[in-house]
Amino acid sequence: MQQFFLEGGAGMFPTAAFGFASLVLSCLYAARPQPRLVPLVASTGAAALLAGALGMFIGFQTTIAAVIGPRAPAPERVQLVTLAGLSESANNLVLALGLVTFAALALGVGGFRSAGAPAA
């Protein structure tokens, strides 16, 4: 897991922060459904997805710049370096999607619980 995080680069930090915030908030909502938490869950989840996508595309740019730049690898290694860089860059979005998936499940549990609760 540590290698996965390190390969993703700096974009993993905001992605993880927003993703875990969304997950914690959605778990709070699942435990005690309060409608005021829903916008926070949605906005932190969206921020996690956007941070993951941004980190991934910055990684793509960095990979391409490294392959075509002045310090480009030997021609027989360009394909390998490119694929490795793109794979590592995708870790940002994988982290975001994983965290937001679990947050969505917890949000669904909270919604189910609040639908069965008597009106106050």
C-alpha atoms as a PDB file:
ATOM      1  CA  MET A   1       0.000   0.000   0.000  1.00  0.00           C
ATOM      2  CA  GLN A   2       2.879   2.342   0.770  1.00  0.00           C
ATOM      3  CA  GLN A   3       4.375   1.713  -2.682  1.00  0.00           C
ATOM      4  CA  PHE A   4       0.985   2.395  -4.291  1.00  0.00           C
ATOM      5  CA  PHE A   5       0.820   5.734  -2.479  1.00  0.00           C
ATOM      6  CA  LEU A   6       4.410   6.700  -3.292  1.00  0.00           C
ATOM      7  CA  GLU A   7       3.985   5.835  -6.980  1.00  0.00           C
ATOM      8  CA  GLY A   8       0.997   8.175  -7.225  1.00  0.00           C
ATOM      9  CA  GLY A   9       3.090  11.166  -6.203  1.00  0.00           C
ATOM     10  CA  ALA A  10       2.065  14.419  -4.558  1.00  0.00           C
ATOM     11  CA  GLY A  11      -1.496  14.260  -5.884  1.00  0.00           C
ATOM     12  CA  MET A  12      -2.210  11.388  -3.522  1.00  0.00           C
ATOM     13  CA  PHE A  13      -2.202  13.665  -0.471  1.00  0.00           C
ATOM     14  CA  PRO A  14      -5.189  15.880  -1.335  1.00  0.00           C
ATOM     15  CA  THR A  15      -6.971  12.905  -2.861  1.00  0.00           C
ATOM     16  CA  ALA A  16      -6.550  10.925   0.355  1.00  0.00           C
ATOM     17  CA  ALA A  17      -7.508  13.881   2.553  1.00  0.00           C
ATOM     18  CA  PHE A  18     -10.744  14.611   0.687  1.00  0.00           C
ATOM     19  CA  GLY A  19     -11.532  10.916   0.248  1.00  0.00           C
ATOM     20  CA  PHE A  20     -11.088  10.056   3.911  1.00  0.00           C
ATOM     21  CA  ALA A  21     -13.060  13.155   4.937  1.00  0.00           C
ATOM     22  CA  SER A  22     -15.912  12.008   2.722  1.00  0.00           C
ATOM     23  CA  LEU A  23     -15.697   8.495   4.134  1.00  0.00           C
ATOM     24  CA  VAL A  24     -15.703   9.678   7.765  1.00  0.00           C
ATOM     25  CA  LEU A  25     -18.602  12.064   7.151  1.00  0.00           C
ATOM     26  CA  SER A  26     -20.620   9.394   5.383  1.00  0.00           C
ATOM     27  CA  CYS A  27     -20.001   6.972   8.261  1.00  0.00           C
ATOM     28  CA  LEU A  28     -21.214   9.641  10.684  1.00  0.00           C
ATOM     29  CA  TYR A  29     -24.295  10.041   8.518  1.00  0.00           C
ATOM     30  CA  ALA A  30     -24.840   6.273   8.509  1.00  0.00           C
ATOM     31  CA  ALA A  31     -24.604   6.180  12.322  1.00  0.00           C
ATOM     32  CA  ARG A  32     -26.792   9.234  12.926  1.00  0.00           C
ATOM     33  CA  PRO A  33     -28.570  10.432   9.781  1.00  0.00           C
ATOM     34  CA  GLN A  34     -28.646  14.218   9.770  1.00  0.00           C
ATOM     35  CA  PRO A  35     -29.596  15.889   6.476  1.00  0.00           C
ATOM     36  CA  ARG A  36     -27.097  18.693   7.050  1.00  0.00           C
ATOM     37  CA  LEU A  37     -24.215  16.199   6.550  1.00  0.00           C
ATOM     38  CA  VAL A  38     -25.259  15.214   3.021  1.00  0.00           C
ATOM     39  CA  PRO A  39     -23.842  18.332   1.286  1.00  0.00           C
ATOM     40  CA  LEU A  40     -20.527  17.834   3.103  1.00  0.00           C
ATOM     41  CA  VAL A  41     -20.337  14.193   2.052  1.00  0.00           C
ATOM     42  CA  ALA A  42     -21.164  15.101  -1.542  1.00  0.00           C
ATOM     43  CA  SER A  43     -18.729  18.002  -1.751  1.00  0.00           C
ATOM     44  CA  THR A  44     -15.794  16.165  -0.160  1.00  0.00           C
ATOM     45  CA  GLY A  45     -16.493  13.139  -2.367  1.00  0.00           C
ATOM     46  CA  ALA A  46     -16.543  15.331  -5.462  1.00  0.00           C
ATOM     47  CA  ALA A  47     -13.339  17.043  -4.314  1.00  0.00           C
ATOM     48  CA  ALA A  48     -11.688  13.626  -3.894  1.00  0.00           C
ATOM     49  CA  LEU A  49     -12.671  12.597  -7.417  1.00  0.00           C
ATOM     50  CA  LEU A  50     -11.486  15.889  -8.886  1.00  0.00           C
ATOM     51  CA  ALA A  51      -8.203  15.780  -6.946  1.00  0.00           C
ATOM     52  CA  GLY A  52      -7.671  12.199  -8.133  1.00  0.00           C
ATOM     53  CA  ALA A  53      -8.332  13.145 -11.741  1.00  0.00           C
ATOM     54  CA  LEU A  54      -6.086  16.200 -11.483  1.00  0.00           C
ATOM     55  CA  GLY A  55      -3.262  14.135  -9.968  1.00  0.00           C
ATOM     56  CA  MET A  56      -3.658  11.539 -12.699  1.00  0.00           C
ATOM     57  CA  PHE A  57      -3.497  14.080 -15.518  1.00  0.00           C
ATOM     58  CA  ILE A  58      -0.543  15.886 -13.973  1.00  0.00           C
ATOM     59  CA  GLY A  59       1.201  12.503 -13.846  1.00  0.00           C
ATOM     60  CA  PHE A  60       0.314  11.903 -17.493  1.00  0.00           C
ATOM     61  CA  GLN A  61       1.830  15.273 -18.424  1.00  0.00           C
ATOM     62  CA  THR A  62       4.971  14.559 -16.414  1.00  0.00           C
ATOM     63  CA  THR A  63       5.360  11.154 -18.036  1.00  0.00           C
ATOM     64  CA  ILE A  64       4.974  12.520 -21.549  1.00  0.00           C
ATOM     65  CA  ALA A  65       7.366  15.393 -20.842  1.00  0.00           C
ATOM     66  CA  ALA A  66       9.949  12.914 -19.539  1.00  0.00           C
ATOM     67  CA  VAL A  67       9.627  10.672 -22.604  1.00  0.00           C
ATOM     68  CA  ILE A  68       9.969  13.441 -25.176  1.00  0.00           C
ATOM     69  CA  GLY A  69      12.241  15.798 -23.236  1.00  0.00           C
ATOM     70  CA  PRO A  70      15.995  16.270 -23.409  1.00  0.00           C
ATOM     71  CA  ARG A  71      16.618  13.461 -20.900  1.00  0.00           C
ATOM     72  CA  ALA A  72      14.390  10.958 -22.709  1.00  0.00           C
ATOM     73  CA  PRO A  73      15.122   7.272 -22.172  1.00  0.00           C
ATOM     74  CA  ALA A  74      16.773   5.149 -24.824  1.00  0.00           C
ATOM     75  CA  PRO A  75      14.406   4.433 -27.741  1.00  0.00           C
ATOM     76  CA  GLU A  76      14.028   0.776 -26.794  1.00  0.00           C
ATOM     77  CA  ARG A  77      12.837   1.789 -23.291  1.00  0.00           C
ATOM     78  CA  VAL A  78      10.380   4.537 -24.241  1.00  0.00           C
ATOM     79  CA  GLN A  79       7.392   2.205 -24.339  1.00  0.00           C
ATOM     80  CA  LEU A  80       8.195   0.637 -20.960  1.00  0.00           C
ATOM     81  CA  VAL A  81       8.833   3.996 -19.280  1.00  0.00           C
ATOM     82  CA  THR A  82       5.639   5.454 -20.751  1.00  0.00           C
ATOM     83  CA  LEU A  83       3.455   2.576 -19.590  1.00  0.00           C
ATOM     84  CA  ALA A  84       5.018   2.567 -16.119  1.00  0.00           C
ATOM     85  CA  GLY A  85       4.474   6.322 -15.769  1.00  0.00           C
ATOM     86  CA  LEU A  86       0.866   6.171 -16.925  1.00  0.00           C
ATOM     87  CA  SER A  87       0.178   3.249 -14.586  1.00  0.00           C
ATOM     88  CA  GLU A  88       1.638   5.084 -11.595  1.00  0.00           C
ATOM     89  CA  SER A  89      -0.316   8.220 -12.481  1.00  0.00           C
ATOM     90  CA  ALA A  90      -3.578   6.278 -12.463  1.00  0.00           C
ATOM     91  CA  ASN A  91      -3.070   5.477  -8.760  1.00  0.00           C
ATOM     92  CA  ASN A  92      -4.515   8.897  -7.934  1.00  0.00           C
ATOM     93  CA  LEU A  93      -7.847   8.124  -9.543  1.00  0.00           C
ATOM     94  CA  VAL A  94      -7.889   4.556  -8.211  1.00  0.00           C
ATOM     95  CA  LEU A  95      -7.534   5.892  -4.659  1.00  0.00           C
ATOM     96  CA  ALA A  96     -10.297   8.458  -5.208  1.00  0.00           C
ATOM     97  CA  LEU A  97     -12.692   5.934  -6.710  1.00  0.00           C
ATOM     98  CA  GLY A  98     -12.054   3.416  -3.945  1.00  0.00           C
ATOM     99  CA  LEU A  99     -12.661   5.863  -1.120  1.00  0.00           C
ATOM    100  CA  VAL A 100     -15.705   7.461  -2.731  1.00  0.00           C
ATOM    101  CA  THR A 101     -17.221   4.034  -3.407  1.00  0.00           C
ATOM    102  CA  PHE A 102     -17.165   3.190   0.298  1.00  0.00           C
ATOM    103  CA  ALA A 103     -18.423   6.668   1.180  1.00  0.00           C
ATOM    104  CA  ALA A 104     -21.350   6.202  -1.217  1.00  0.00           C
ATOM    105  CA  LEU A 105     -22.215   2.882   0.409  1.00  0.00           C
ATOM    106  CA  ALA A 106     -22.213   4.445   3.880  1.00  0.00           C
ATOM    107  CA  LEU A 107     -24.291   7.350   2.577  1.00  0.00           C
ATOM    108  CA  GLY A 108     -26.793   4.843   1.205  1.00  0.00           C
ATOM    109  CA  VAL A 109     -27.011   3.107   4.580  1.00  0.00           C
ATOM    110  CA  GLY A 110     -27.672   6.452   6.266  1.00  0.00           C
ATOM    111  CA  GLY A 111     -30.311   7.304   3.693  1.00  0.00           C
ATOM    112  CA  PHE A 112     -31.995   3.956   4.253  1.00  0.00           C
ATOM    113  CA  ARG A 113     -31.951   4.471   8.007  1.00  0.00           C
ATOM    114  CA  SER A 114     -33.301   8.012   7.775  1.00  0.00           C
ATOM    115  CA  ALA A 115     -36.122   6.923   5.442  1.00  0.00           C
ATOM    116  CA  GLY A 116     -37.393   4.531   8.103  1.00  0.00           C
ATOM    117  CA  ALA A 117     -37.096   7.040  10.951  1.00  0.00           C
ATOM    118  CA  PRO A 118     -40.246   8.769  12.203  1.00  0.00           C
ATOM    119  CA  ALA A 119     -40.581  12.437  11.313  1.00  0.00           C
ATOM    120  CA  ALA A 120     -39.481  14.717  14.130  1.00  0.00           C
END
